[in-house]
């Protein structure tokens, strides 16, 4: 019995370790909050992403490291963020695509917040939002969107196969 006890404990510990490793997986998600500002007649947008995921995509798109939010951040990082935005984030209304202005970004340990603005936004018009952020690189990426106009909130989720929603 003495020979079995250590082997049993080791077997149980190994099985536990393996099961935790196999069941643990990373999830890919962004949250975009949009709010209509009636005084400026603009749509104000903040997007929250995992900074490591976004850096990986920027690196693959441009073949360089950006070190976002660190002392080593590439001096052209904002330009590459704008370039990525211009191909993956669109706001359209009856008169076509509206210009999306990059206002800035904030980075902390795990997240990057990207701030955008759409001027001359008409809150009463039907709007088509396209947000394909990170979907080309992470097939299980989901982009949760919350749109607030006065007291009303409309929420939807975009993902591979459905990157646009009309509201």
Protein backbone atom coordinates (compact mmCIF):
# COMPACT_ATOMS: atom_id res chain seq x y z
CA UNK A 1 0.00 0.00 0.00
CA UNK A 2 2.88 2.36 0.65
CA UNK A 3 4.05 2.07 -3.00
CA UNK A 4 0.59 2.94 -4.37
CA UNK A 5 -0.06 6.07 -2.29
CA UNK A 6 2.61 8.34 -3.88
CA UNK A 7 1.84 7.00 -7.37
CA UNK A 8 -1.89 7.61 -6.83
CA UNK A 9 -1.29 11.19 -5.70
CA UNK A 10 1.02 11.84 -8.63
CA UNK A 11 -1.49 10.36 -11.07
CA UNK A 12 -4.32 12.48 -9.64
CA UNK A 13 -2.17 15.63 -9.67
CA UNK A 14 -1.07 14.97 -13.27
CA UNK A 15 -4.65 14.33 -14.40
CA UNK A 16 -5.80 17.54 -12.71
CA UNK A 17 -3.03 19.53 -14.36
CA UNK A 18 -3.79 18.10 -17.81
CA UNK A 19 -7.54 18.67 -17.49
CA UNK A 20 -7.03 22.31 -16.49
CA UNK A 21 -4.65 22.90 -19.37
CA UNK A 22 -6.96 21.33 -21.94
CA UNK A 23 -10.13 23.07 -20.74
CA UNK A 24 -8.51 26.51 -20.39
CA UNK A 25 -8.78 28.54 -23.56
CA UNK A 26 -8.48 32.17 -24.48
CA UNK A 27 -11.51 34.10 -25.60
CA UNK A 28 -11.45 36.92 -28.13
CA UNK A 29 -13.83 39.82 -27.56
CA UNK A 30 -14.07 43.56 -27.97
CA UNK A 31 -16.65 45.94 -26.56
CA UNK A 32 -17.66 49.03 -28.49
CA UNK A 33 -19.77 51.70 -26.80
CA UNK A 34 -21.35 54.33 -29.03
CA UNK A 35 -23.33 57.30 -27.80
CA UNK A 36 -25.06 60.04 -29.75
CA UNK A 37 -24.13 63.51 -28.52
CA UNK A 38 -27.00 65.79 -29.50
CA UNK A 39 -25.16 69.03 -28.74
CA UNK A 40 -22.26 68.24 -31.10
CA UNK A 41 -24.42 66.09 -33.42
CA UNK A 42 -21.75 63.43 -33.34
CA UNK A 43 -21.45 59.77 -32.56
CA UNK A 44 -18.83 59.23 -29.87
CA UNK A 45 -17.27 55.78 -29.85
CA UNK A 46 -14.99 53.95 -27.44
CA UNK A 47 -13.69 50.49 -28.27
CA UNK A 48 -12.07 48.21 -25.70
CA UNK A 49 -9.80 45.39 -26.95
CA UNK A 50 -7.20 43.09 -25.49
CA UNK A 51 -3.94 44.90 -26.21
CA UNK A 52 -1.96 41.70 -26.88
CA UNK A 53 -4.46 40.58 -29.54
CA UNK A 54 -4.46 43.98 -31.23
CA UNK A 55 -0.65 44.22 -31.16
CA UNK A 56 -0.41 40.76 -32.74
CA UNK A 57 -2.75 41.79 -35.57
CA UNK A 58 -0.88 45.07 -36.15
CA UNK A 59 2.39 43.15 -36.19
CA UNK A 60 1.08 40.66 -38.74
CA UNK A 61 -0.41 43.42 -40.90
CA UNK A 62 2.74 45.55 -40.92
CA UNK A 63 5.58 43.14 -40.10
CA UNK A 64 6.80 45.08 -37.05
CA UNK A 65 6.26 45.28 -33.30
CA UNK A 66 4.47 48.28 -31.79
CA UNK A 67 4.84 47.87 -28.00
CA UNK A 68 1.60 49.83 -27.44
CA UNK A 69 1.46 51.80 -24.20
CA UNK A 70 5.13 51.30 -23.36
CA UNK A 71 8.23 53.47 -23.57
CA UNK A 72 9.19 51.45 -26.68
CA UNK A 73 5.94 52.27 -28.53
CA UNK A 74 6.57 52.82 -32.22
CA UNK A 75 6.27 56.52 -33.07
CA UNK A 76 3.97 55.64 -35.98
CA UNK A 77 1.64 53.41 -33.95
CA UNK A 78 -1.33 55.78 -34.22
CA UNK A 79 -0.95 55.93 -38.01
CA UNK A 80 -1.10 52.14 -38.26
CA UNK A 81 -4.10 52.04 -35.93
CA UNK A 82 -5.86 54.57 -38.20
CA UNK A 83 -4.97 52.47 -41.24
CA UNK A 84 -6.40 49.34 -39.61
CA UNK A 85 -9.55 51.26 -38.61
CA UNK A 86 -10.05 52.47 -42.16
CA UNK A 87 -10.42 48.89 -43.40
CA UNK A 88 -12.31 47.31 -40.50
CA UNK A 89 -14.70 49.89 -39.00
CA UNK A 90 -17.40 51.70 -41.02
CA UNK A 91 -20.47 53.76 -40.20
CA UNK A 92 -22.92 54.25 -43.06
CA UNK A 93 -26.15 56.23 -43.33
CA UNK A 94 -28.40 57.26 -46.20
CA UNK A 95 -25.74 59.47 -47.79
CA UNK A 96 -23.10 56.73 -47.69
CA UNK A 97 -20.11 56.06 -45.51
CA UNK A 98 -19.42 58.65 -42.82
CA UNK A 99 -15.85 59.64 -41.94
CA UNK A 100 -14.68 58.00 -38.70
CA UNK A 101 -12.12 60.18 -36.90
CA UNK A 102 -9.48 58.63 -34.66
CA UNK A 103 -9.47 60.74 -31.49
CA UNK A 104 -6.89 58.81 -29.49
CA UNK A 105 -6.09 55.72 -27.47
CA UNK A 106 -5.30 54.66 -23.93
CA UNK A 107 -3.41 51.52 -22.99
CA UNK A 108 -3.19 49.78 -19.66
CA UNK A 109 -1.71 46.42 -18.75
CA UNK A 110 -4.26 44.26 -20.59
CA UNK A 111 -6.51 46.55 -22.62
CA UNK A 112 -6.42 49.26 -25.22
CA UNK A 113 -9.23 51.79 -25.51
CA UNK A 114 -9.60 53.39 -28.92
CA UNK A 115 -11.64 56.59 -29.13
CA UNK A 116 -13.42 57.60 -32.33
CA UNK A 117 -15.91 60.22 -33.47
CA UNK A 118 -18.35 60.46 -36.35
CA UNK A 119 -19.37 64.08 -36.99
CA UNK A 120 -22.67 65.08 -38.60
CA UNK A 121 -24.29 61.87 -37.43
CA UNK A 122 -28.08 61.79 -37.81
CA UNK A 123 -29.50 59.83 -34.90
CA UNK A 124 -32.88 59.38 -36.62
CA UNK A 125 -31.41 57.82 -39.79
CA UNK A 126 -30.95 54.10 -40.24
CA UNK A 127 -27.31 53.28 -39.62
CA UNK A 128 -25.22 50.35 -40.80
CA UNK A 129 -22.21 49.57 -38.63
CA UNK A 130 -19.44 47.28 -39.84
CA UNK A 131 -16.90 46.16 -37.27
CA UNK A 132 -14.60 43.35 -38.39
CA UNK A 133 -11.86 44.10 -35.86
CA UNK A 134 -9.53 41.12 -35.34
CA UNK A 135 -11.93 38.67 -37.04
CA UNK A 136 -9.49 37.90 -39.88
CA UNK A 137 -6.96 36.61 -37.36
CA UNK A 138 -9.15 35.11 -34.63
CA UNK A 139 -12.01 33.05 -36.02
CA UNK A 140 -13.89 33.06 -32.70
CA UNK A 141 -13.56 36.84 -32.21
CA UNK A 142 -16.79 38.55 -31.13
CA UNK A 143 -17.35 42.31 -31.20
CA UNK A 144 -20.07 43.39 -28.78
CA UNK A 145 -21.64 46.76 -29.63
CA UNK A 146 -23.77 49.01 -27.41
CA UNK A 147 -25.42 52.08 -28.94
CA UNK A 148 -26.96 54.64 -26.59
CA UNK A 149 -29.28 57.39 -27.79
CA UNK A 150 -30.87 59.31 -24.92
CA UNK A 151 -32.37 56.61 -22.66
CA UNK A 152 -32.47 53.86 -25.29
CA UNK A 153 -29.69 51.26 -25.61
CA UNK A 154 -29.39 48.90 -28.56
CA UNK A 155 -26.92 46.02 -28.21
CA UNK A 156 -25.74 43.46 -30.73
CA UNK A 157 -22.82 41.14 -31.35
CA UNK A 158 -20.78 40.89 -34.53
CA UNK A 159 -18.64 37.89 -35.44
CA UNK A 160 -17.19 35.95 -38.38
CA UNK A 161 -20.01 35.60 -40.90
CA UNK A 162 -21.86 38.64 -39.51
CA UNK A 163 -19.65 41.74 -39.33
CA UNK A 164 -22.41 44.33 -39.94
CA UNK A 165 -25.66 45.31 -38.22
CA UNK A 166 -28.30 47.89 -39.07
CA UNK A 167 -29.90 49.90 -36.27
